[in-house]
Amino acid sequence: MPHTVALLAAASDEQGPGNTIRIVLIVSLVGAALLAWFLLRGYRNDDTND
């Protein structure tokens, strides 16, 4: 059991900022998509706004 804890600690130390950058990129892409949808939905014309 102590070996697995030491291996997990060593593996987590070697990863660096990879997971953080991955999360930031995913959140940024989702946020950009939602922002684009929010801004562009005002430009659609359904002929109901006379």
Protein backbone atom coordinates (compact mmCIF):
# COMPACT_ATOMS: atom_id res chain seq x y z
CA MET A 1 0.00 0.00 0.00
CA PRO A 2 2.73 2.59 0.77
CA HIS A 3 4.27 1.88 -2.63
CA THR A 4 1.11 2.90 -4.48
CA VAL A 5 0.85 6.15 -2.50
CA ALA A 6 4.47 6.99 -3.32
CA LEU A 7 3.97 6.17 -7.00
CA LEU A 8 0.82 8.28 -7.22
CA ALA A 9 2.57 11.20 -5.51
CA ALA A 10 5.52 10.94 -7.89
CA ALA A 11 3.25 10.70 -10.93
CA SER A 12 1.23 13.74 -9.87
CA ASP A 13 4.43 15.75 -9.34
CA GLU A 14 5.68 14.93 -12.84
CA GLN A 15 2.52 16.06 -14.63
CA GLY A 16 3.08 19.76 -14.14
CA PRO A 17 0.46 22.22 -15.40
CA GLY A 18 -0.97 19.89 -18.06
CA ASN A 19 -4.34 19.24 -16.44
CA THR A 20 -4.81 22.88 -15.50
CA ILE A 21 -4.09 24.08 -19.03
CA ARG A 22 -6.44 21.43 -20.45
CA ILE A 23 -9.27 22.55 -18.14
CA VAL A 24 -8.69 26.22 -18.96
CA LEU A 25 -8.77 25.50 -22.70
CA ILE A 26 -11.98 23.48 -22.48
CA VAL A 27 -13.71 26.13 -20.36
CA SER A 28 -12.53 28.86 -22.73
CA LEU A 29 -13.86 27.03 -25.78
CA VAL A 30 -17.21 26.37 -24.15
CA GLY A 31 -17.42 29.98 -23.01
CA ALA A 32 -16.55 31.28 -26.48
CA ALA A 33 -19.23 29.06 -28.04
CA LEU A 34 -21.85 30.26 -25.57
CA LEU A 35 -20.84 33.88 -26.09
CA ALA A 36 -21.03 33.50 -29.87
CA TRP A 37 -24.46 31.86 -29.59
CA PHE A 38 -25.70 34.62 -27.28
CA LEU A 39 -24.44 37.42 -29.52
CA LEU A 40 -25.48 35.87 -32.84
CA ARG A 41 -28.99 34.87 -31.79
CA GLY A 42 -29.96 38.53 -31.82
CA TYR A 43 -29.19 38.76 -35.54
CA ARG A 44 -31.55 36.03 -36.72
CA ASN A 45 -34.64 37.25 -38.50
CA ASP A 46 -37.82 35.21 -38.11
CA ASP A 47 -40.06 37.94 -39.61
CA THR A 48 -41.80 38.22 -36.24
CA ASN A 49 -40.18 41.50 -35.23
CA ASP A 50 -41.98 44.05 -37.39
